All heavy atoms as atom14 arrays in JSON, in Angstrom:
{
  "sequence": "TVSAFEKGGAALTTTVDKMKHALLETGRVRFDGDNGVFVDDVNQV",
  "atom14_mask": [
    [1, 1, 1, 1, 1, 1, 1, 0, 0, 0, 0, 0, 0, 0],
    [1, 1, 1, 1, 1, 1, 1, 0, 0, 0, 0, 0, 0, 0],
    [1, 1, 1, 1, 1, 1, 0, 0, 0, 0, 0, 0, 0, 0],
    [1, 1, 1, 1, 1, 0, 0, 0, 0, 0, 0, 0, 0, 0],
    [1, 1, 1, 1, 1, 1, 1, 1, 1, 1, 1, 0, 0, 0],
    [1, 1, 1, 1, 1, 1, 1, 1, 1, 0, 0, 0, 0, 0],
    [1, 1, 1, 1, 1, 1, 1, 1, 1, 0, 0, 0, 0, 0],
    [1, 1, 1, 1, 0, 0, 0, 0, 0, 0, 0, 0, 0, 0],
    [1, 1, 1, 1, 0, 0, 0, 0, 0, 0, 0, 0, 0, 0],
    [1, 1, 1, 1, 1, 0, 0, 0, 0, 0, 0, 0, 0, 0],
    [1, 1, 1, 1, 1, 0, 0, 0, 0, 0, 0, 0, 0, 0],
    [1, 1, 1, 1, 1, 1, 1, 1, 0, 0, 0, 0, 0, 0],
    [1, 1, 1, 1, 1, 1, 1, 0, 0, 0, 0, 0, 0, 0],
    [1, 1, 1, 1, 1, 1, 1, 0, 0, 0, 0, 0, 0, 0],
    [1, 1, 1, 1, 1, 1, 1, 0, 0, 0, 0, 0, 0, 0],
    [1, 1, 1, 1, 1, 1, 1, 0, 0, 0, 0, 0, 0, 0],
    [1, 1, 1, 1, 1, 1, 1, 1, 0, 0, 0, 0, 0, 0],
    [1, 1, 1, 1, 1, 1, 1, 1, 1, 0, 0, 0, 0, 0],
    [1, 1, 1, 1, 1, 1, 1, 1, 0, 0, 0, 0, 0, 0],
    [1, 1, 1, 1, 1, 1, 1, 1, 1, 0, 0, 0, 0, 0],
    [1, 1, 1, 1, 1, 1, 1, 1, 1, 1, 0, 0, 0, 0],
    [1, 1, 1, 1, 1, 0, 0, 0, 0, 0, 0, 0, 0, 0],
    [1, 1, 1, 1, 1, 1, 1, 1, 0, 0, 0, 0, 0, 0],
    [1, 1, 1, 1, 1, 1, 1, 1, 0, 0, 0, 0, 0, 0],
    [1, 1, 1, 1, 1, 1, 1, 1, 1, 0, 0, 0, 0, 0],
    [1, 1, 1, 1, 1, 1, 1, 0, 0, 0, 0, 0, 0, 0],
    [1, 1, 1, 1, 0, 0, 0, 0, 0, 0, 0, 0, 0, 0],
    [1, 1, 1, 1, 1, 1, 1, 1, 1, 1, 1, 0, 0, 0],
    [1, 1, 1, 1, 1, 1, 1, 0, 0, 0, 0, 0, 0, 0],
    [1, 1, 1, 1, 1, 1, 1, 1, 1, 1, 1, 0, 0, 0],
    [1, 1, 1, 1, 1, 1, 1, 1, 1, 1, 1, 0, 0, 0],
    [1, 1, 1, 1, 1, 1, 1, 1, 0, 0, 0, 0, 0, 0],
    [1, 1, 1, 1, 0, 0, 0, 0, 0, 0, 0, 0, 0, 0],
    [1, 1, 1, 1, 1, 1, 1, 1, 0, 0, 0, 0, 0, 0],
    [1, 1, 1, 1, 1, 1, 1, 1, 0, 0, 0, 0, 0, 0],
    [1, 1, 1, 1, 0, 0, 0, 0, 0, 0, 0, 0, 0, 0],
    [1, 1, 1, 1, 1, 1, 1, 0, 0, 0, 0, 0, 0, 0],
    [1, 1, 1, 1, 1, 1, 1, 1, 1, 1, 1, 0, 0, 0],
    [1, 1, 1, 1, 1, 1, 1, 0, 0, 0, 0, 0, 0, 0],
    [1, 1, 1, 1, 1, 1, 1, 1, 0, 0, 0, 0, 0, 0],
    [1, 1, 1, 1, 1, 1, 1, 1, 0, 0, 0, 0, 0, 0],
    [1, 1, 1, 1, 1, 1, 1, 0, 0, 0, 0, 0, 0, 0],
    [1, 1, 1, 1, 1, 1, 1, 1, 0, 0, 0, 0, 0, 0],
    [1, 1, 1, 1, 1, 1, 1, 1, 1, 0, 0, 0, 0, 0],
    [1, 1, 1, 1, 1, 1, 1, 0, 0, 0, 0, 0, 0, 0]
  ],
  "atom14_positions": [
    [[56.31, -69.78, -24.29], [55.01, -69.51, -24.91], [54.1, -68.75, -23.94], [53.44, -67.78, -24.32], [54.34, -70.83, -25.34], [55.2, -71.49, -26.26], [52.99, -70.6, -25.96], [0.0, 0.0, 0.0], [0.0, 0.0, 0.0], [0.0, 0.0, 0.0], [0.0, 0.0, 0.0], [0.0, 0.0, 0.0], [0.0, 0.0, 0.0], [0.0, 0.0, 0.0]],
    [[54.07, -69.18, -22.69], [53.28, -68.5, -21.66], [53.77, -67.06, -21.51], [52.98, -66.11, -21.51], [53.34, -69.23, -20.31], [52.68, -68.41, -19.2], [52.7, -70.61, -20.41], [0.0, 0.0, 0.0], [0.0, 0.0, 0.0], [0.0, 0.0, 0.0], [0.0, 0.0, 0.0], [0.0, 0.0, 0.0], [0.0, 0.0, 0.0], [0.0, 0.0, 0.0]],
    [[55.06, -66.9, -21.39], [55.65, -65.57, -21.22], [55.32, -64.66, -22.39], [54.9, -63.51, -22.2], [57.17, -65.71, -21.05], [57.75, -64.45, -20.86], [0.0, 0.0, 0.0], [0.0, 0.0, 0.0], [0.0, 0.0, 0.0], [0.0, 0.0, 0.0], [0.0, 0.0, 0.0], [0.0, 0.0, 0.0], [0.0, 0.0, 0.0], [0.0, 0.0, 0.0]],
    [[55.49, -65.15, -23.61], [55.2, -64.33, -24.79], [53.72, -63.97, -24.86], [53.36, -62.82, -25.17], [55.63, -65.07, -26.05], [0.0, 0.0, 0.0], [0.0, 0.0, 0.0], [0.0, 0.0, 0.0], [0.0, 0.0, 0.0], [0.0, 0.0, 0.0], [0.0, 0.0, 0.0], [0.0, 0.0, 0.0], [0.0, 0.0, 0.0], [0.0, 0.0, 0.0]],
    [[52.84, -64.92, -24.56], [51.4, -64.68, -24.6], [51.01, -63.61, -23.58], [50.21, -62.72, -23.87], [50.63, -65.98, -24.36], [49.15, -65.82, -24.42], [48.51, -65.63, -25.63], [48.38, -65.86, -23.26], [47.12, -65.48, -25.69], [47.01, -65.71, -23.31], [46.37, -65.52, -24.53], [0.0, 0.0, 0.0], [0.0, 0.0, 0.0], [0.0, 0.0, 0.0]],
    [[51.58, -63.69, -22.39], [51.25, -62.71, -21.35], [51.75, -61.31, -21.69], [51.23, -60.32, -21.19], [51.83, -63.14, -20.0], [51.1, -64.34, -19.44], [51.63, -64.79, -18.09], [52.76, -64.4, -17.7], [50.91, -65.55, -17.42], [0.0, 0.0, 0.0], [0.0, 0.0, 0.0], [0.0, 0.0, 0.0], [0.0, 0.0, 0.0], [0.0, 0.0, 0.0]],
    [[52.71, -61.23, -22.58], [53.23, -59.93, -23.03], [52.51, -59.43, -24.28], [52.91, -58.46, -24.89], [54.73, -60.04, -23.3], [55.54, -60.25, -22.05], [57.02, -60.43, -22.37], [57.79, -60.73, -21.09], [59.17, -61.11, -21.38], [0.0, 0.0, 0.0], [0.0, 0.0, 0.0], [0.0, 0.0, 0.0], [0.0, 0.0, 0.0], [0.0, 0.0, 0.0]],
    [[51.45, -60.15, -24.68], [50.65, -59.72, -25.81], [50.97, -60.41, -27.12], [50.42, -60.06, -28.16], [0.0, 0.0, 0.0], [0.0, 0.0, 0.0], [0.0, 0.0, 0.0], [0.0, 0.0, 0.0], [0.0, 0.0, 0.0], [0.0, 0.0, 0.0], [0.0, 0.0, 0.0], [0.0, 0.0, 0.0], [0.0, 0.0, 0.0], [0.0, 0.0, 0.0]],
    [[51.83, -61.4, -27.06], [52.19, -62.15, -28.26], [51.08, -63.09, -28.69], [50.16, -63.4, -27.93], [0.0, 0.0, 0.0], [0.0, 0.0, 0.0], [0.0, 0.0, 0.0], [0.0, 0.0, 0.0], [0.0, 0.0, 0.0], [0.0, 0.0, 0.0], [0.0, 0.0, 0.0], [0.0, 0.0, 0.0], [0.0, 0.0, 0.0], [0.0, 0.0, 0.0]],
    [[51.17, -63.51, -29.93], [50.17, -64.43, -30.48], [50.42, -65.84, -29.97], [51.54, -66.2, -29.61], [50.24, -64.4, -32.0], [0.0, 0.0, 0.0], [0.0, 0.0, 0.0], [0.0, 0.0, 0.0], [0.0, 0.0, 0.0], [0.0, 0.0, 0.0], [0.0, 0.0, 0.0], [0.0, 0.0, 0.0], [0.0, 0.0, 0.0], [0.0, 0.0, 0.0]],
    [[49.36, -66.62, -29.95], [49.45, -68.04, -29.6], [48.36, -68.78, -30.34], [47.29, -68.22, -30.62], [49.29, -68.24, -28.09], [0.0, 0.0, 0.0], [0.0, 0.0, 0.0], [0.0, 0.0, 0.0], [0.0, 0.0, 0.0], [0.0, 0.0, 0.0], [0.0, 0.0, 0.0], [0.0, 0.0, 0.0], [0.0, 0.0, 0.0], [0.0, 0.0, 0.0]],
    [[48.63, -70.02, -30.66], [47.62, -70.85, -31.32], [46.42, -71.02, -30.4], [46.55, -71.07, -29.17], [48.2, -72.22, -31.64], [49.36, -72.27, -32.63], [49.93, -73.69, -32.69], [48.9, -71.81, -34.0], [0.0, 0.0, 0.0], [0.0, 0.0, 0.0], [0.0, 0.0, 0.0], [0.0, 0.0, 0.0], [0.0, 0.0, 0.0], [0.0, 0.0, 0.0]],
    [[45.26, -71.15, -30.99], [44.03, -71.36, -30.21], [44.15, -72.59, -29.33], [43.72, -72.58, -28.17], [42.82, -71.49, -31.15], [42.73, -70.3, -31.95], [41.53, -71.66, -30.38], [0.0, 0.0, 0.0], [0.0, 0.0, 0.0], [0.0, 0.0, 0.0], [0.0, 0.0, 0.0], [0.0, 0.0, 0.0], [0.0, 0.0, 0.0], [0.0, 0.0, 0.0]],
    [[44.76, -73.63, -29.86], [44.9, -74.86, -29.07], [45.79, -74.62, -27.85], [45.54, -75.19, -26.78], [45.48, -76.01, -29.91], [46.71, -75.58, -30.51], [44.52, -76.44, -30.99], [0.0, 0.0, 0.0], [0.0, 0.0, 0.0], [0.0, 0.0, 0.0], [0.0, 0.0, 0.0], [0.0, 0.0, 0.0], [0.0, 0.0, 0.0], [0.0, 0.0, 0.0]],
    [[46.79, -73.78, -27.99], [47.69, -73.46, -26.87], [46.94, -72.66, -25.81], [47.05, -72.94, -24.61], [48.92, -72.69, -27.37], [49.6, -73.49, -28.33], [49.85, -72.33, -26.23], [0.0, 0.0, 0.0], [0.0, 0.0, 0.0], [0.0, 0.0, 0.0], [0.0, 0.0, 0.0], [0.0, 0.0, 0.0], [0.0, 0.0, 0.0], [0.0, 0.0, 0.0]],
    [[46.18, -71.68, -26.25], [45.39, -70.87, -25.32], [44.37, -71.76, -24.6], [44.18, -71.63, -23.39], [44.69, -69.71, -26.05], [43.77, -68.94, -25.11], [45.71, -68.78, -26.68], [0.0, 0.0, 0.0], [0.0, 0.0, 0.0], [0.0, 0.0, 0.0], [0.0, 0.0, 0.0], [0.0, 0.0, 0.0], [0.0, 0.0, 0.0], [0.0, 0.0, 0.0]],
    [[43.76, -72.67, -25.32], [42.81, -73.6, -24.7], [43.48, -74.47, -23.64], [42.89, -74.73, -22.59], [42.16, -74.49, -25.76], [41.15, -73.75, -26.62], [40.73, -72.63, -26.24], [40.8, -74.3, -27.68], [0.0, 0.0, 0.0], [0.0, 0.0, 0.0], [0.0, 0.0, 0.0], [0.0, 0.0, 0.0], [0.0, 0.0, 0.0], [0.0, 0.0, 0.0]],
    [[44.69, -74.9, -23.89], [45.43, -75.7, -22.9], [45.68, -74.9, -21.63], [45.52, -75.41, -20.51], [46.75, -76.19, -23.47], [46.61, -77.27, -24.51], [47.98, -77.66, -25.05], [47.88, -78.71, -26.13], [49.21, -79.09, -26.65], [0.0, 0.0, 0.0], [0.0, 0.0, 0.0], [0.0, 0.0, 0.0], [0.0, 0.0, 0.0], [0.0, 0.0, 0.0]],
    [[46.09, -73.64, -21.79], [46.35, -72.8, -20.61], [45.05, -72.53, -19.86], [45.02, -72.61, -18.63], [47.03, -71.5, -21.04], [48.43, -71.7, -21.56], [49.34, -70.15, -21.86], [48.57, -69.57, -23.36], [0.0, 0.0, 0.0], [0.0, 0.0, 0.0], [0.0, 0.0, 0.0], [0.0, 0.0, 0.0], [0.0, 0.0, 0.0], [0.0, 0.0, 0.0]],
    [[43.99, -72.23, -20.6], [42.69, -71.98, -19.97], [42.21, -73.21, -19.21], [41.75, -73.11, -18.08], [41.68, -71.57, -21.04], [40.33, -71.21, -20.51], [39.4, -70.75, -21.63], [38.03, -70.4, -21.11], [37.14, -69.95, -22.2], [0.0, 0.0, 0.0], [0.0, 0.0, 0.0], [0.0, 0.0, 0.0], [0.0, 0.0, 0.0], [0.0, 0.0, 0.0]],
    [[42.34, -74.37, -19.82], [41.92, -75.62, -19.18], [42.69, -75.86, -17.88], [42.1, -76.24, -16.87], [42.1, -76.79, -20.15], [41.68, -78.1, -19.58], [40.37, -78.46, -19.41], [42.41, -79.13, -19.09], [40.3, -79.65, -18.86], [41.53, -80.09, -18.66], [0.0, 0.0, 0.0], [0.0, 0.0, 0.0], [0.0, 0.0, 0.0], [0.0, 0.0, 0.0]],
    [[44.0, -75.62, -17.92], [44.82, -75.81, -16.71], [44.34, -74.9, -15.59], [44.27, -75.31, -14.42], [46.29, -75.55, -17.03], [0.0, 0.0, 0.0], [0.0, 0.0, 0.0], [0.0, 0.0, 0.0], [0.0, 0.0, 0.0], [0.0, 0.0, 0.0], [0.0, 0.0, 0.0], [0.0, 0.0, 0.0], [0.0, 0.0, 0.0], [0.0, 0.0, 0.0]],
    [[43.99, -73.66, -15.92], [43.51, -72.72, -14.91], [42.13, -73.13, -14.38], [41.88, -73.1, -13.18], [43.46, -71.31, -15.49], [44.82, -70.71, -15.87], [44.63, -69.49, -16.73], [45.65, -70.4, -14.63], [0.0, 0.0, 0.0], [0.0, 0.0, 0.0], [0.0, 0.0, 0.0], [0.0, 0.0, 0.0], [0.0, 0.0, 0.0], [0.0, 0.0, 0.0]],
    [[41.25, -73.54, -15.28], [39.91, -73.95, -14.87], [39.92, -75.21, -14.01], [39.06, -75.38, -13.14], [39.02, -74.16, -16.1], [38.63, -72.9, -16.86], [37.93, -73.27, -18.16], [37.75, -72.0, -16.01], [0.0, 0.0, 0.0], [0.0, 0.0, 0.0], [0.0, 0.0, 0.0], [0.0, 0.0, 0.0], [0.0, 0.0, 0.0], [0.0, 0.0, 0.0]],
    [[40.87, -76.08, -14.25], [40.99, -77.33, -13.49], [41.17, -77.09, -12.0], [40.87, -77.97, -11.19], [42.16, -78.17, -14.02], [41.85, -78.93, -15.28], [40.92, -80.1, -15.03], [41.28, -80.99, -14.25], [39.83, -80.11, -15.62], [0.0, 0.0, 0.0], [0.0, 0.0, 0.0], [0.0, 0.0, 0.0], [0.0, 0.0, 0.0], [0.0, 0.0, 0.0]],
    [[41.64, -75.91, -11.62], [41.83, -75.61, -10.2], [40.5, -75.48, -9.46], [40.46, -75.6, -8.24], [42.61, -74.29, -10.0], [41.8, -73.2, -10.46], [43.94, -74.32, -10.73], [0.0, 0.0, 0.0], [0.0, 0.0, 0.0], [0.0, 0.0, 0.0], [0.0, 0.0, 0.0], [0.0, 0.0, 0.0], [0.0, 0.0, 0.0], [0.0, 0.0, 0.0]],
    [[39.44, -75.2, -10.21], [38.14, -74.97, -9.59], [38.01, -73.59, -8.98], [37.0, -73.27, -8.36], [0.0, 0.0, 0.0], [0.0, 0.0, 0.0], [0.0, 0.0, 0.0], [0.0, 0.0, 0.0], [0.0, 0.0, 0.0], [0.0, 0.0, 0.0], [0.0, 0.0, 0.0], [0.0, 0.0, 0.0], [0.0, 0.0, 0.0], [0.0, 0.0, 0.0]],
    [[39.02, -72.77, -9.14], [39.02, -71.43, -8.54], [38.93, -70.3, -9.56], [38.7, -69.16, -9.19], [40.28, -71.23, -7.69], [40.34, -72.13, -6.48], [41.59, -71.91, -5.66], [41.83, -70.51, -5.39], [43.04, -69.99, -5.21], [44.12, -70.74, -5.26], [43.19, -68.7, -4.97], [0.0, 0.0, 0.0], [0.0, 0.0, 0.0], [0.0, 0.0, 0.0]],
    [[39.13, -70.62, -10.83], [39.17, -69.59, -11.87], [37.88, -69.62, -12.67], [37.38, -70.69, -13.03], [40.38, -69.81, -12.81], [40.36, -68.83, -13.96], [41.68, -69.71, -12.03], [0.0, 0.0, 0.0], [0.0, 0.0, 0.0], [0.0, 0.0, 0.0], [0.0, 0.0, 0.0], [0.0, 0.0, 0.0], [0.0, 0.0, 0.0], [0.0, 0.0, 0.0]],
    [[37.31, -68.43, -12.91], [36.12, -68.28, -13.73], [36.39, -67.23, -14.8], [36.9, -66.16, -14.51], [34.92, -67.82, -12.89], [34.48, -68.81, -11.87], [33.31, -68.28, -11.03], [33.79, -67.28, -10.08], [33.39, -66.0, -10.05], [32.51, -65.55, -10.91], [33.87, -65.16, -9.16], [0.0, 0.0, 0.0], [0.0, 0.0, 0.0], [0.0, 0.0, 0.0]],
    [[36.05, -67.55, -16.04], [36.14, -66.58, -17.13], [34.73, -66.07, -17.38], [33.8, -66.85, -17.56], [36.7, -67.25, -18.4], [38.14, -67.64, -18.26], [38.5, -68.87, -17.74], [39.14, -66.76, -18.64], [39.83, -69.23, -17.62], [40.48, -67.1, -18.51], [40.82, -68.34, -17.99], [0.0, 0.0, 0.0], [0.0, 0.0, 0.0], [0.0, 0.0, 0.0]],
    [[34.57, -64.74, -17.37], [33.24, -64.14, -17.47], [33.16, -63.23, -18.69], [33.02, -62.01, -18.56], [32.92, -63.39, -16.19], [31.48, -62.92, -16.13], [30.64, -63.43, -16.9], [31.18, -62.02, -15.33], [0.0, 0.0, 0.0], [0.0, 0.0, 0.0], [0.0, 0.0, 0.0], [0.0, 0.0, 0.0], [0.0, 0.0, 0.0], [0.0, 0.0, 0.0]],
    [[33.28, -63.8, -19.86], [33.14, -63.04, -21.11], [33.94, -61.76, -21.11], [35.13, -61.75, -20.83], [0.0, 0.0, 0.0], [0.0, 0.0, 0.0], [0.0, 0.0, 0.0], [0.0, 0.0, 0.0], [0.0, 0.0, 0.0], [0.0, 0.0, 0.0], [0.0, 0.0, 0.0], [0.0, 0.0, 0.0], [0.0, 0.0, 0.0], [0.0, 0.0, 0.0]],
    [[33.27, -60.65, -21.39], [33.93, -59.34, -21.47], [34.25, -58.76, -20.11], [34.94, -57.74, -20.02], [33.05, -58.35, -22.24], [32.9, -58.73, -23.7], [33.77, -59.44, -24.23], [31.89, -58.31, -24.3], [0.0, 0.0, 0.0], [0.0, 0.0, 0.0], [0.0, 0.0, 0.0], [0.0, 0.0, 0.0], [0.0, 0.0, 0.0], [0.0, 0.0, 0.0]],
    [[33.75, -59.38, -19.05], [33.97, -58.85, -17.71], [35.29, -59.27, -17.09], [35.67, -58.76, -16.05], [32.82, -59.24, -16.78], [31.52, -58.62, -17.21], [31.49, -57.46, -17.59], [30.46, -59.38, -17.18], [0.0, 0.0, 0.0], [0.0, 0.0, 0.0], [0.0, 0.0, 0.0], [0.0, 0.0, 0.0], [0.0, 0.0, 0.0], [0.0, 0.0, 0.0]],
    [[35.98, -60.22, -17.69], [37.3, -60.58, -17.21], [37.39, -61.96, -16.61], [36.56, -62.83, -16.84], [0.0, 0.0, 0.0], [0.0, 0.0, 0.0], [0.0, 0.0, 0.0], [0.0, 0.0, 0.0], [0.0, 0.0, 0.0], [0.0, 0.0, 0.0], [0.0, 0.0, 0.0], [0.0, 0.0, 0.0], [0.0, 0.0, 0.0], [0.0, 0.0, 0.0]],
    [[38.42, -62.1, -15.8], [38.75, -63.37, -15.17], [38.67, -63.17, -13.66], [39.14, -62.17, -13.13], [40.18, -63.81, -15.54], [40.55, -65.1, -14.83], [40.31, -63.97, -17.04], [0.0, 0.0, 0.0], [0.0, 0.0, 0.0], [0.0, 0.0, 0.0], [0.0, 0.0, 0.0], [0.0, 0.0, 0.0], [0.0, 0.0, 0.0], [0.0, 0.0, 0.0]],
    [[38.09, -64.12, -12.99], [37.95, -64.05, -11.54], [38.6, -65.26, -10.9], [38.45, -66.39, -11.39], [36.47, -64.0, -11.15], [35.77, -62.81, -11.73], [35.14, -62.89, -12.96], [35.76, -61.6, -11.06], [34.5, -61.79, -13.52], [35.13, -60.49, -11.61], [34.5, -60.58, -12.84], [0.0, 0.0, 0.0], [0.0, 0.0, 0.0], [0.0, 0.0, 0.0]],
    [[39.3, -65.03, -9.8], [39.94, -66.11, -9.05], [39.34, -66.1, -7.65], [39.45, -65.11, -6.93], [41.47, -65.94, -8.97], [42.1, -67.06, -8.18], [42.07, -65.86, -10.37], [0.0, 0.0, 0.0], [0.0, 0.0, 0.0], [0.0, 0.0, 0.0], [0.0, 0.0, 0.0], [0.0, 0.0, 0.0], [0.0, 0.0, 0.0], [0.0, 0.0, 0.0]],
    [[38.67, -67.2, -7.33], [38.07, -67.32, -6.01], [39.12, -67.6, -4.96], [40.12, -68.29, -5.21], [37.04, -68.44, -5.99], [35.86, -68.16, -6.9], [35.45, -66.98, -6.99], [35.36, -69.11, -7.53], [0.0, 0.0, 0.0], [0.0, 0.0, 0.0], [0.0, 0.0, 0.0], [0.0, 0.0, 0.0], [0.0, 0.0, 0.0], [0.0, 0.0, 0.0]],
    [[38.89, -67.08, -3.77], [39.78, -67.33, -2.64], [39.77, -68.81, -2.33], [38.74, -69.48, -2.37], [39.29, -66.53, -1.44], [40.19, -66.59, -0.23], [41.16, -67.4, -0.23], [39.96, -65.83, 0.72], [0.0, 0.0, 0.0], [0.0, 0.0, 0.0], [0.0, 0.0, 0.0], [0.0, 0.0, 0.0], [0.0, 0.0, 0.0], [0.0, 0.0, 0.0]],
    [[40.92, -69.34, -1.99], [41.05, -70.78, -1.69], [40.1, -71.2, -0.57], [39.63, -72.32, -0.53], [42.51, -71.15, -1.38], [42.96, -70.58, -0.06], [42.69, -72.64, -1.4], [0.0, 0.0, 0.0], [0.0, 0.0, 0.0], [0.0, 0.0, 0.0], [0.0, 0.0, 0.0], [0.0, 0.0, 0.0], [0.0, 0.0, 0.0], [0.0, 0.0, 0.0]],
    [[39.77, -70.29, 0.34], [38.89, -70.62, 1.46], [37.41, -70.63, 1.05], [36.58, -71.09, 1.82], [39.09, -69.61, 2.6], [40.48, -69.7, 3.18], [41.01, -70.79, 3.33], [41.09, -68.57, 3.44], [0.0, 0.0, 0.0], [0.0, 0.0, 0.0], [0.0, 0.0, 0.0], [0.0, 0.0, 0.0], [0.0, 0.0, 0.0], [0.0, 0.0, 0.0]],
    [[37.11, -70.13, -0.15], [35.73, -70.1, -0.61], [35.36, -71.28, -1.48], [34.22, -71.47, -1.84], [35.46, -68.81, -1.41], [35.58, -67.57, -0.57], [35.41, -66.32, -1.41], [35.43, -66.36, -2.63], [35.25, -65.2, -0.76], [0.0, 0.0, 0.0], [0.0, 0.0, 0.0], [0.0, 0.0, 0.0], [0.0, 0.0, 0.0], [0.0, 0.0, 0.0]],
    [[36.34, -72.1, -1.85], [36.08, -73.22, -2.76], [35.64, -74.43, -1.97], [36.02, -74.69, -0.9], [37.35, -73.53, -3.59], [37.13, -74.74, -4.45], [37.69, -72.32, -4.42], [0.0, 0.0, 0.0], [0.0, 0.0, 0.0], [0.0, 0.0, 0.0], [0.0, 0.0, 0.0], [0.0, 0.0, 0.0], [0.0, 0.0, 0.0], [0.0, 0.0, 0.0]]
  ]
}
């Protein structure tokens, strides 16, 4: 599912939310609307 989604495939909203939540849980990932996704350096957290 992750592989297909990253290649532009469709995914259920609940599945996308699960992936987003897992990334946000790191405390290093920020989603900024239309501006994209940002990953903070591990030394900045």
